[in-house]
Protein backbone atom coordinates (compact mmCIF):
# COMPACT_ATOMS: atom_id res chain seq x y z
CA MET A 1 -2.90 29.97 124.64
CA GLU A 2 -4.62 28.24 127.54
CA LYS A 3 -4.91 24.47 127.73
CA PRO A 4 -8.58 23.45 127.52
CA LYS A 5 -10.07 21.98 130.68
CA ARG A 6 -10.70 18.26 130.72
CA LYS A 7 -14.21 17.00 131.27
CA PHE A 8 -13.17 14.96 134.30
CA ALA A 9 -10.39 17.19 135.67
CA TRP A 10 -11.81 16.69 139.17
CA VAL A 11 -10.44 13.13 139.06
CA ASP A 12 -6.89 14.55 139.06
CA GLU A 13 -7.62 16.49 142.25
CA LEU A 14 -9.20 13.45 143.88
CA ALA A 15 -6.21 11.25 143.00
CA LYS A 16 -3.79 13.85 144.37
CA LYS A 17 -5.74 14.14 147.63
CA THR A 18 -5.93 10.35 147.96
CA GLY A 19 -2.14 10.10 147.63
CA GLU A 20 -1.65 12.78 150.28
CA VAL A 21 -3.95 10.97 152.70
CA ALA A 22 -2.17 7.67 152.03
CA MET A 23 1.22 9.21 152.87
CA GLU A 24 -0.18 10.71 156.09
CA GLU A 25 -1.48 7.27 157.08
CA ALA A 26 1.92 5.74 156.25
CA ARG A 27 3.61 8.29 158.54
CA LYS A 28 1.12 7.56 161.29
CA HIS A 29 1.65 3.78 161.08
CA ASN A 30 5.37 3.93 160.20
CA THR A 31 4.95 2.04 156.92
CA TYR A 32 5.18 2.82 153.18
CA ILE A 33 2.89 3.39 150.20
CA VAL A 34 3.22 1.75 146.78
CA TYR A 35 2.47 3.54 143.53
CA THR A 36 3.51 3.78 139.89
CA ASP A 37 5.79 6.74 139.20
CA ASP A 38 5.90 8.94 136.09
CA GLU A 39 8.34 6.52 134.42
CA GLY A 40 5.99 3.55 134.87
CA GLN A 41 8.01 1.90 137.64
CA ARG A 42 6.35 0.59 140.78
CA VAL A 43 7.93 2.17 143.83
CA ARG A 44 7.68 2.17 147.62
CA ALA A 45 7.71 5.62 149.19
CA TYR A 46 8.64 5.76 152.87
CA PRO A 47 7.68 8.57 155.27
CA ASP A 48 11.36 9.55 155.66
CA GLY A 49 11.49 10.46 151.95
CA ARG A 50 13.25 7.32 150.78
CA ILE A 51 11.94 5.87 147.50
CA GLU A 52 12.67 2.27 146.53
CA VAL A 53 12.01 0.79 143.07
CA ILE A 54 10.23 -2.57 143.28
CA LYS A 55 11.84 -5.18 141.07
CA GLU A 56 9.56 -7.41 139.02
CA GLY A 57 8.49 -10.50 140.93
CA GLU A 58 9.22 -8.92 144.30
């Protein structure tokens, strides 16, 4: 059984593309991006692949 399509599924694609562009910019400027991961933690993702969890209040 196929999962029904969401009305605003295009938002998922836009969010994915935005994240990809942000990481490319981070590589270009040798910096990091910040986002919330699947577990709800805020993290910094560096261009070298390193991911750092941001502690509360940091």
